[in-house]
C-alpha atoms as a PDB file:
ATOM      1  CA  MET A   1     167.565 241.337 -72.317  1.00  0.00           C
ATOM      2  CA  GLU A   2     166.165 238.359 -72.756  1.00  0.00           C
ATOM      3  CA  LYS A   3     164.764 238.981 -76.348  1.00  0.00           C
ATOM      4  CA  LEU A   4     168.637 240.481 -76.835  1.00  0.00           C
ATOM      5  CA  LEU A   5     170.012 236.822 -75.589  1.00  0.00           C
ATOM      6  CA  GLU A   6     167.690 234.952 -78.065  1.00  0.00           C
ATOM      7  CA  VAL A   7     168.525 236.838 -80.863  1.00  0.00           C
ATOM      8  CA  LEU A   8     172.085 236.594 -80.280  1.00  0.00           C
ATOM      9  CA  LYS A   9     172.537 233.033 -79.523  1.00  0.00           C
ATOM     10  CA  GLU A  10     170.456 232.303 -82.918  1.00  0.00           C
ATOM     11  CA  VAL A  11     172.596 234.766 -84.609  1.00  0.00           C
ATOM     12  CA  LYS A  12     175.943 232.650 -82.940  1.00  0.00           C
ATOM     13  CA  PRO A  13     175.043 229.500 -81.377  1.00  0.00           C
ATOM     14  CA  GLY A  14     177.577 228.195 -78.582  1.00  0.00           C
ATOM     15  CA  VAL A  15     179.179 231.716 -77.321  1.00  0.00           C
ATOM     16  CA  ASP A  16     178.277 232.720 -73.818  1.00  0.00           C
ATOM     17  CA  PHE A  17     176.685 236.208 -74.428  1.00  0.00           C
ATOM     18  CA  GLU A  18     175.696 236.642 -70.724  1.00  0.00           C
ATOM     19  CA  ASN A  19     179.076 237.049 -69.659  1.00  0.00           C
ATOM     20  CA  ALA A  20     181.358 237.623 -72.697  1.00  0.00           C
ATOM     21  CA  THR A  21     182.833 241.322 -72.731  1.00  0.00           C
ATOM     22  CA  ASN A  22     185.067 241.058 -75.749  1.00  0.00           C
ATOM     23  CA  LEU A  23     182.732 239.864 -78.295  1.00  0.00           C
ATOM     24  CA  LEU A  24     183.836 243.117 -81.358  1.00  0.00           C
ATOM     25  CA  SER A  25     187.071 243.127 -80.065  1.00  0.00           C
ATOM     26  CA  GLY A  26     188.122 239.921 -79.239  1.00  0.00           C
ATOM     27  CA  LYS A  27     186.978 238.417 -82.543  1.00  0.00           C
ATOM     28  CA  VAL A  28     184.079 236.106 -81.098  1.00  0.00           C
ATOM     29  CA  ILE A  29     181.943 237.643 -83.791  1.00  0.00           C
ATOM     30  CA  ASP A  30     183.195 238.559 -87.360  1.00  0.00           C
ATOM     31  CA  SER A  31     181.983 241.052 -89.942  1.00  0.00           C
ATOM     32  CA  ILE A  32     179.293 238.497 -91.059  1.00  0.00           C
ATOM     33  CA  ASP A  33     177.658 237.873 -87.836  1.00  0.00           C
ATOM     34  CA  MET A  34     177.616 241.867 -86.837  1.00  0.00           C
ATOM     35  CA  THR A  35     175.932 242.429 -90.209  1.00  0.00           C
ATOM     36  CA  THR A  36     173.387 239.937 -89.390  1.00  0.00           C
ATOM     37  CA  ILE A  37     173.117 241.121 -86.075  1.00  0.00           C
ATOM     38  CA  LEU A  38     172.453 244.192 -86.894  1.00  0.00           C
ATOM     39  CA  THR A  39     169.780 243.393 -88.669  1.00  0.00           C
ATOM     40  CA  GLU A  40     168.742 241.563 -86.543  1.00  0.00           C
ATOM     41  CA  LEU A  41     168.601 243.830 -83.532  1.00  0.00           C
ATOM     42  CA  GLU A  42     166.703 245.955 -85.772  1.00  0.00           C
ATOM     43  CA  ASP A  43     163.873 243.809 -86.790  1.00  0.00           C
ATOM     44  CA  ALA A  44     163.267 242.607 -83.221  1.00  0.00           C
ATOM     45  CA  PHE A  45     163.011 246.096 -81.199  1.00  0.00           C
ATOM     46  CA  ASP A  46     162.019 248.436 -84.498  1.00  0.00           C
ATOM     47  CA  ILE A  47     165.353 250.231 -83.819  1.00  0.00           C
ATOM     48  CA  GLU A  48     167.676 251.558 -86.507  1.00  0.00           C
ATOM     49  CA  ILE A  49     170.971 251.503 -85.283  1.00  0.00           C
ATOM     50  CA  ASP A  50     173.109 254.722 -87.427  1.00  0.00           C
ATOM     51  CA  MET A  51     176.778 253.632 -88.037  1.00  0.00           C
ATOM     52  CA  GLU A  52     177.714 256.330 -85.094  1.00  0.00           C
ATOM     53  CA  TYR A  53     176.735 253.011 -83.035  1.00  0.00           C
ATOM     54  CA  ILE A  54     178.926 250.615 -84.730  1.00  0.00           C
ATOM     55  CA  THR A  55     181.579 250.373 -82.539  1.00  0.00           C
ATOM     56  CA  PRO A  56     183.237 248.005 -79.893  1.00  0.00           C
ATOM     57  CA  GLU A  57     182.406 250.486 -77.522  1.00  0.00           C
ATOM     58  CA  TYR A  58     178.788 249.203 -78.407  1.00  0.00           C
ATOM     59  CA  PHE A  59     179.213 245.696 -79.316  1.00  0.00           C
ATOM     60  CA  ASP A  60     181.503 243.859 -77.376  1.00  0.00           C
ATOM     61  CA  SER A  61     179.453 242.655 -74.875  1.00  0.00           C
ATOM     62  CA  ALA A  62     175.207 242.222 -74.733  1.00  0.00           C
ATOM     63  CA  GLN A  63     175.034 244.306 -71.652  1.00  0.00           C
ATOM     64  CA  LYS A  64     176.530 247.343 -73.970  1.00  0.00           C
ATOM     65  CA  MET A  65     174.065 246.301 -76.189  1.00  0.00           C
ATOM     66  CA  TRP A  66     171.038 246.160 -74.131  1.00  0.00           C
ATOM     67  CA  GLU A  67     171.980 250.033 -73.313  1.00  0.00           C
ATOM     68  CA  MET A  68     172.624 251.198 -77.178  1.00  0.00           C
ATOM     69  CA  ILE A  69     168.729 249.415 -77.260  1.00  0.00           C
ATOM     70  CA  GLN A  70     167.739 251.313 -74.542  1.00  0.00           C
ATOM     71  CA  GLU A  71     169.240 254.568 -75.910  1.00  0.00           C
ATOM     72  CA  LEU A  72     167.483 254.079 -79.371  1.00  0.00           C
ATOM     73  CA  MET A  73     164.199 253.237 -78.213  1.00  0.00           C
ATOM     74  CA  ASP A  74     163.969 256.547 -76.438  1.00  0.00           C
END
């Protein structure tokens, strides 16, 4: 999880990723941030994030992203 938080903070400094629960639906991150986050997560965790995962369900919080990463790494 720490590695995920580091990636997110590099992409969008100043956001409280530990506590935010509406990152995508609340427009805390925009489409450009999202594209960067996707690329960075794929590189950092050696995973491929399919289109089915690119929804607020998976990207509204760091915790949800972490759960998705764990699922994709299995």
